[in-house]
C-alpha atoms as a PDB file:
ATOM      1  CA  MET A   1       0.671 -26.989  -9.026  1.00  0.00           C
ATOM      2  CA  LYS A   2      -0.074 -24.313  -6.415  1.00  0.00           C
ATOM      3  CA  TRP A   3       1.554 -21.697  -8.694  1.00  0.00           C
ATOM      4  CA  ALA A   4      -0.635 -22.721 -11.654  1.00  0.00           C
ATOM      5  CA  ALA A   5      -3.765 -22.760  -9.502  1.00  0.00           C
ATOM      6  CA  ALA A   6      -3.073 -19.245  -8.267  1.00  0.00           C
ATOM      7  CA  LEU A   7      -2.690 -17.974 -11.826  1.00  0.00           C
ATOM      8  CA  ILE A   8      -5.970 -19.558 -12.907  1.00  0.00           C
ATOM      9  CA  CYS A   9      -7.810 -18.194  -9.878  1.00  0.00           C
ATOM     10  CA  LEU A  10      -6.514 -14.661 -10.242  1.00  0.00           C
ATOM     11  CA  ALA A  11      -7.153 -14.526 -13.984  1.00  0.00           C
ATOM     12  CA  ALA A  12     -10.747 -15.609 -13.589  1.00  0.00           C
ATOM     13  CA  THR A  13     -12.437 -12.223 -13.344  1.00  0.00           C
ATOM     14  CA  ALA A  14     -11.694  -8.516 -13.376  1.00  0.00           C
ATOM     15  CA  SER A  15     -12.870  -6.263 -10.569  1.00  0.00           C
ATOM     16  CA  ALA A  16     -11.807  -3.185  -8.660  1.00  0.00           C
ATOM     17  CA  GLU A  17     -12.674  -5.030  -5.454  1.00  0.00           C
ATOM     18  CA  GLY A  18      -9.316  -6.825  -5.455  1.00  0.00           C
ATOM     19  CA  PHE A  19      -7.619  -3.979  -3.608  1.00  0.00           C
ATOM     20  CA  LEU A  20      -8.351  -2.287  -0.322  1.00  0.00           C
ATOM     21  CA  PRO A  21      -9.901   1.166  -0.736  1.00  0.00           C
ATOM     22  CA  THR A  22      -7.681   4.164  -0.111  1.00  0.00           C
ATOM     23  CA  TYR A  23      -8.813   7.493   1.269  1.00  0.00           C
ATOM     24  CA  GLN A  24      -7.791  11.128   1.540  1.00  0.00           C
ATOM     25  CA  VAL A  25      -8.133  13.454   4.505  1.00  0.00           C
ATOM     26  CA  THR A  26     -11.022  15.861   4.171  1.00  0.00           C
ATOM     27  CA  GLU A  27     -12.618  18.633   6.273  1.00  0.00           C
ATOM     28  CA  VAL A  28      -9.494  19.114   8.403  1.00  0.00           C
ATOM     29  CA  SER A  29      -8.357  22.734   8.555  1.00  0.00           C
ATOM     30  CA  ALA A  30      -4.912  23.702   7.278  1.00  0.00           C
ATOM     31  CA  ASP A  31      -3.625  24.400  10.799  1.00  0.00           C
ATOM     32  CA  ASP A  32      -4.905  21.137  12.292  1.00  0.00           C
ATOM     33  CA  VAL A  33      -4.231  17.386  12.015  1.00  0.00           C
ATOM     34  CA  LEU A  34      -6.295  14.203  11.965  1.00  0.00           C
ATOM     35  CA  ASN A  35      -5.411  12.021  14.952  1.00  0.00           C
ATOM     36  CA  ILE A  36      -4.679   8.308  14.798  1.00  0.00           C
ATOM     37  CA  ARG A  37      -5.565   6.637  18.097  1.00  0.00           C
ATOM     38  CA  ALA A  38      -4.590   3.364  19.738  1.00  0.00           C
ATOM     39  CA  GLU A  39      -8.236   2.280  19.967  1.00  0.00           C
ATOM     40  CA  PRO A  40     -11.468   3.308  18.214  1.00  0.00           C
ATOM     41  CA  ASP A  41     -12.205   5.774  20.979  1.00  0.00           C
ATOM     42  CA  PRO A  42     -11.844   9.593  20.982  1.00  0.00           C
ATOM     43  CA  GLN A  43     -10.192   9.372  24.429  1.00  0.00           C
ATOM     44  CA  ALA A  44      -7.588   6.743  23.457  1.00  0.00           C
ATOM     45  CA  ASP A  45      -3.881   7.572  23.220  1.00  0.00           C
ATOM     46  CA  ILE A  46      -2.729   9.314  20.032  1.00  0.00           C
ATOM     47  CA  VAL A  47      -0.204   7.133  18.133  1.00  0.00           C
ATOM     48  CA  GLY A  48       0.146   9.295  15.032  1.00  0.00           C
ATOM     49  CA  THR A  49      -1.419  12.018  12.905  1.00  0.00           C
ATOM     50  CA  TYR A  50      -2.317  12.843   9.305  1.00  0.00           C
ATOM     51  CA  ASP A  51      -1.797  16.316   7.894  1.00  0.00           C
ATOM     52  CA  PRO A  52      -4.645  17.957   5.945  1.00  0.00           C
ATOM     53  CA  TYR A  53      -5.051  16.705   2.368  1.00  0.00           C
ATOM     54  CA  VAL A  54      -2.942  13.537   2.844  1.00  0.00           C
ATOM     55  CA  GLN A  55      -3.894  10.946   0.229  1.00  0.00           C
ATOM     56  CA  HIS A  56      -3.616   7.167  -0.210  1.00  0.00           C
ATOM     57  CA  ILE A  57      -4.585   6.185   3.320  1.00  0.00           C
ATOM     58  CA  GLU A  58      -5.383   2.485   3.367  1.00  0.00           C
ATOM     59  CA  VAL A  59      -8.208   1.375   5.666  1.00  0.00           C
ATOM     60  CA  LEU A  60      -7.898  -2.286   6.604  1.00  0.00           C
ATOM     61  CA  ARG A  61     -11.347  -2.484   8.216  1.00  0.00           C
ATOM     62  CA  THR A  62     -13.821  -0.377  10.153  1.00  0.00           C
ATOM     63  CA  SER A  63     -15.151  -0.614  13.677  1.00  0.00           C
ATOM     64  CA  PRO A  64     -18.550  -2.338  14.121  1.00  0.00           C
ATOM     65  CA  ASP A  65     -20.304   1.043  14.148  1.00  0.00           C
ATOM     66  CA  GLY A  66     -18.432   2.185  11.015  1.00  0.00           C
ATOM     67  CA  MET A  67     -17.154   5.339  12.706  1.00  0.00           C
ATOM     68  CA  TRP A  68     -13.470   4.338  12.913  1.00  0.00           C
ATOM     69  CA  GLY A  69     -11.034   2.883  10.404  1.00  0.00           C
ATOM     70  CA  LEU A  70      -7.964   0.763  11.165  1.00  0.00           C
ATOM     71  CA  VAL A  71      -4.916   2.241   9.424  1.00  0.00           C
ATOM     72  CA  GLY A  72      -1.164   1.714   9.429  1.00  0.00           C
ATOM     73  CA  VAL A  73       1.157   4.142  11.159  1.00  0.00           C
ATOM     74  CA  ALA A  74       4.930   3.574  11.266  1.00  0.00           C
ATOM     75  CA  GLU A  75       5.543   0.300  13.148  1.00  0.00           C
ATOM     76  CA  GLN A  76       1.957  -0.308  14.256  1.00  0.00           C
ATOM     77  CA  ASN A  77      -1.738   0.157  13.506  1.00  0.00           C
ATOM     78  CA  GLY A  78      -4.159   2.710  14.838  1.00  0.00           C
ATOM     79  CA  TRP A  79      -7.695   3.999  14.400  1.00  0.00           C
ATOM     80  CA  THR A  80      -8.851   7.234  12.814  1.00  0.00           C
ATOM     81  CA  ALA A  81     -12.281   8.803  12.410  1.00  0.00           C
ATOM     82  CA  MET A  82     -13.913   7.812   9.108  1.00  0.00           C
ATOM     83  CA  ARG A  83     -15.906  11.069   8.964  1.00  0.00           C
ATOM     84  CA  PHE A  84     -12.663  12.856   8.047  1.00  0.00           C
ATOM     85  CA  LEU A  85     -11.777  10.431   5.254  1.00  0.00           C
ATOM     86  CA  GLU A  86     -13.068  10.478   1.681  1.00  0.00           C
ATOM     87  CA  GLU A  87     -12.614   7.417  -0.533  1.00  0.00           C
ATOM     88  CA  MET A  88     -10.353   7.972  -3.532  1.00  0.00           C
ATOM     89  CA  GLN A  89     -11.318   6.812  -6.998  1.00  0.00           C
ATOM     90  CA  HIS A  90      -8.963   4.512  -8.920  1.00  0.00           C
ATOM     91  CA  PRO A  91      -9.301   3.058 -12.431  1.00  0.00           C
ATOM     92  CA  ALA A  92     -11.396  -0.087 -12.178  1.00  0.00           C
ATOM     93  CA  ASP A  93      -9.530  -1.829 -14.985  1.00  0.00           C
ATOM     94  CA  SER A  94      -5.926  -1.490 -13.794  1.00  0.00           C
ATOM     95  CA  ILE A  95      -3.746  -2.430 -10.848  1.00  0.00           C
ATOM     96  CA  LEU A  96      -3.682  -0.044  -7.876  1.00  0.00           C
ATOM     97  CA  ARG A  97      -1.047   2.688  -8.036  1.00  0.00           C
ATOM     98  CA  PRO A  98       0.806   3.628  -5.957  1.00  0.00           C
ATOM     99  CA  LEU A  99       1.378   0.125  -4.624  1.00  0.00           C
ATOM    100  CA  HIS A 100       4.319  -0.920  -2.462  1.00  0.00           C
ATOM    101  CA  CYS A 101       5.161  -4.615  -2.098  1.00  0.00           C
ATOM    102  CA  PHE A 102       8.025  -5.747   0.124  1.00  0.00           C
ATOM    103  CA  GLY A 103       9.482  -8.663   2.005  1.00  0.00           C
ATOM    104  CA  THR A 104      12.293  -9.723   4.303  1.00  0.00           C
ATOM    105  CA  GLU A 105      14.970 -12.442   4.412  1.00  0.00           C
ATOM    106  CA  PRO A 106      16.298 -11.098   2.127  1.00  0.00           C
ATOM    107  CA  PHE A 107      14.884  -7.565   2.026  1.00  0.00           C
ATOM    108  CA  TRP A 108      13.220  -6.661  -1.273  1.00  0.00           C
ATOM    109  CA  SER A 109      10.659  -4.203  -2.592  1.00  0.00           C
ATOM    110  CA  LEU A 110       8.666  -3.748  -5.777  1.00  0.00           C
ATOM    111  CA  GLU A 111       7.009  -0.359  -6.165  1.00  0.00           C
ATOM    112  CA  LEU A 112       4.364   0.629  -8.702  1.00  0.00           C
ATOM    113  CA  PHE A 113       3.839   4.308  -9.424  1.00  0.00           C
ATOM    114  CA  LEU A 114       1.859   6.265 -11.996  1.00  0.00           C
ATOM    115  CA  ARG A 115       5.098   7.137 -13.814  1.00  0.00           C
ATOM    116  CA  GLY A 116       7.024   3.884 -13.577  1.00  0.00           C
ATOM    117  CA  ASP A 117       7.852   0.780 -11.603  1.00  0.00           C
ATOM    118  CA  ALA A 118      10.996  -0.390  -9.820  1.00  0.00           C
ATOM    119  CA  TYR A 119      12.497  -3.338  -7.959  1.00  0.00           C
ATOM    120  CA  HIS A 120      15.091  -3.096  -5.209  1.00  0.00           C
ATOM    121  CA  ALA A 121      16.926  -5.787  -3.267  1.00  0.00           C
ATOM    122  CA  PHE A 122      19.104  -5.254  -0.216  1.00  0.00           C
ATOM    123  CA  GLY A 123      22.669  -4.434  -1.213  1.00  0.00           C
ATOM    124  CA  ASP A 124      21.782  -3.846  -4.862  1.00  0.00           C
ATOM    125  CA  THR A 125      20.874  -0.849  -6.979  1.00  0.00           C
ATOM    126  CA  ARG A 126      17.282   0.134  -7.696  1.00  0.00           C
ATOM    127  CA  ARG A 127      16.207  -1.396 -11.025  1.00  0.00           C
ATOM    128  CA  THR A 128      13.610  -0.016 -13.422  1.00  0.00           C
ATOM    129  CA  LEU A 129      10.862  -2.402 -14.520  1.00  0.00           C
ATOM    130  CA  THR A 130       8.680  -2.458 -17.639  1.00  0.00           C
ATOM    131  CA  GLN A 131       5.195  -3.829 -17.083  1.00  0.00           C
ATOM    132  CA  VAL A 132       4.130  -6.137 -19.895  1.00  0.00           C
ATOM    133  CA  SER A 133       0.765  -7.425 -18.665  1.00  0.00           C
ATOM    134  CA  GLU A 134      -1.701  -7.473 -15.786  1.00  0.00           C
ATOM    135  CA  ARG A 135      -4.932  -9.208 -14.861  1.00  0.00           C
ATOM    136  CA  LEU A 136      -7.317  -8.238 -12.073  1.00  0.00           C
ATOM    137  CA  ALA A 137      -9.384 -10.561  -9.928  1.00  0.00           C
ATOM    138  CA  SER A 138     -12.031 -10.168  -7.241  1.00  0.00           C
ATOM    139  CA  ASN A 139      -9.415 -10.952  -4.580  1.00  0.00           C
ATOM    140  CA  GLY A 140      -6.235  -9.499  -6.061  1.00  0.00           C
ATOM    141  CA  ALA A 141      -4.185  -9.154  -9.217  1.00  0.00           C
ATOM    142  CA  ILE A 142      -1.269 -10.536 -11.198  1.00  0.00           C
ATOM    143  CA  ALA A 143       1.230  -8.392 -13.087  1.00  0.00           C
ATOM    144  CA  VAL A 144       4.266  -9.318 -15.179  1.00  0.00           C
ATOM    145  CA  PHE A 145       7.342  -7.100 -15.467  1.00  0.00           C
ATOM    146  CA  GLU A 146      10.527  -7.278 -17.500  1.00  0.00           C
ATOM    147  CA  GLU A 147      13.872  -6.188 -16.118  1.00  0.00           C
ATOM    148  CA  GLY A 148      16.149  -6.300 -19.143  1.00  0.00           C
ATOM    149  CA  PRO A 149      15.974  -8.957 -21.857  1.00  0.00           C
ATOM    150  CA  SER A 150      16.432 -12.026 -19.652  1.00  0.00           C
ATOM    151  CA  LEU A 151      14.708 -11.347 -16.317  1.00  0.00           C
ATOM    152  CA  THR A 152      10.965 -11.507 -15.759  1.00  0.00           C
ATOM    153  CA  ARG A 153       9.254 -10.756 -12.462  1.00  0.00           C
ATOM    154  CA  THR A 154       5.672 -11.924 -11.911  1.00  0.00           C
ATOM    155  CA  LEU A 155       3.845 -10.352  -8.986  1.00  0.00           C
ATOM    156  CA  ILE A 156       0.743 -11.881  -7.445  1.00  0.00           C
ATOM    157  CA  VAL A 157      -1.159  -9.692  -4.983  1.00  0.00           C
ATOM    158  CA  GLU A 158      -3.869 -11.300  -2.878  1.00  0.00           C
ATOM    159  CA  ARG A 159      -6.154  -9.501  -0.481  1.00  0.00           C
ATOM    160  CA  GLY A 160      -5.821 -10.823   3.076  1.00  0.00           C
ATOM    161  CA  TYR A 161      -3.994 -10.493   6.386  1.00  0.00           C
ATOM    162  CA  CYS A 162      -0.219 -10.031   6.188  1.00  0.00           C
ATOM    163  CA  ASP A 163       2.653  -8.998   8.445  1.00  0.00           C
ATOM    164  CA  ASP A 164       6.272  -8.542   7.453  1.00  0.00           C
ATOM    165  CA  GLY A 165       7.722 -10.190  10.543  1.00  0.00           C
ATOM    166  CA  MET A 166       9.605  -7.011  11.445  1.00  0.00           C
ATOM    167  CA  ARG A 167       6.915  -4.686  12.790  1.00  0.00           C
ATOM    168  CA  ASP A 168       3.910  -4.961  15.039  1.00  0.00           C
ATOM    169  CA  ARG A 169       1.746  -3.865  12.136  1.00  0.00           C
ATOM    170  CA  GLU A 170      -0.942  -5.559  10.076  1.00  0.00           C
ATOM    171  CA  PHE A 171      -1.187  -5.163   6.304  1.00  0.00           C
ATOM    172  CA  GLY A 172      -4.178  -6.011   4.135  1.00  0.00           C
ATOM    173  CA  MET A 173      -2.555  -7.640   1.092  1.00  0.00           C
ATOM    174  CA  ARG A 174      -0.099 -10.512   0.569  1.00  0.00           C
ATOM    175  CA  ALA A 175       2.515 -10.640  -2.181  1.00  0.00           C
ATOM    176  CA  THR A 176       4.233 -13.473  -4.037  1.00  0.00           C
ATOM    177  CA  LEU A 177       6.995 -12.511  -6.465  1.00  0.00           C
ATOM    178  CA  PHE A 178       8.277 -15.069  -8.998  1.00  0.00           C
ATOM    179  CA  ASN A 179      11.661 -14.132 -10.495  1.00  0.00           C
ATOM    180  CA  ASP A 180      12.555 -15.987 -13.678  1.00  0.00           C
ATOM    181  CA  THR A 181      16.049 -15.912 -15.233  1.00  0.00           C
ATOM    182  CA  PRO A 182      17.967 -18.219 -17.612  1.00  0.00           C
ATOM    183  CA  ASP A 183      20.093 -19.335 -14.642  1.00  0.00           C
ATOM    184  CA  GLY A 184      17.113 -20.321 -12.497  1.00  0.00           C
ATOM    185  CA  SER A 185      14.072 -19.002 -10.702  1.00  0.00           C
ATOM    186  CA  THR A 186      13.296 -17.809  -7.184  1.00  0.00           C
ATOM    187  CA  VAL A 187      10.125 -17.023  -5.264  1.00  0.00           C
ATOM    188  CA  GLN A 188       9.863 -14.211  -2.724  1.00  0.00           C
ATOM    189  CA  SER A 189       6.957 -13.494  -0.406  1.00  0.00           C
ATOM    190  CA  GLY A 190       5.842 -10.443   1.507  1.00  0.00           C
ATOM    191  CA  CYS A 191       3.122  -7.839   1.944  1.00  0.00           C
ATOM    192  CA  CYS A 192       1.653  -5.018  -0.124  1.00  0.00           C
ATOM    193  CA  THR A 193       0.086  -1.701   0.735  1.00  0.00           C
ATOM    194  CA  GLY A 194      -1.314   1.281  -1.098  1.00  0.00           C
ATOM    195  CA  ASP A 195      -0.753   3.384   2.020  1.00  0.00           C
ATOM    196  CA  ALA A 196       1.228   6.608   1.969  1.00  0.00           C
ATOM    197  CA  SER A 197       2.411   6.009   5.539  1.00  0.00           C
ATOM    198  CA  ARG A 198       3.947   2.580   4.977  1.00  0.00           C
END
């Protein structure tokens, strides 16, 4: 019943608001970097950097004054100055790409790119997927993929807090992956990000 309810909810409306906005670095000179700091403070420790022109930076939320954005960096989160970030434009009527969804126990990943999609499980080869449908919602999306003639993977992405249990890092989207085969079905859960620094 929960599975059916999620499908109904996510198919209810189409909106670009279902995904977190992504940004690109702007107004940083070619010989400089944009710092990522431990706190929204220009004096806080530097925990990472962005090179000039880096794209697909996912901002989970901003500081109360709107000057800093919380981003992901390696195994943690940090804050970077919003004045050096410019929001990227994505098609309002299609699922966010690139999008990386992944989980643990067992390890799996489903990656959506502009030129194709793929699924990978720990200890197995990377498998090409063919997307057959998608629906957008105000809080996420659902997409169906075929992997050969007898395996269907249905991905539900929902906007909200997520952690992968392996890193001290927060993500902004949750994933549920339903794998359907003639021999039975499985459900995997995890997180998603549109971030280049995942």
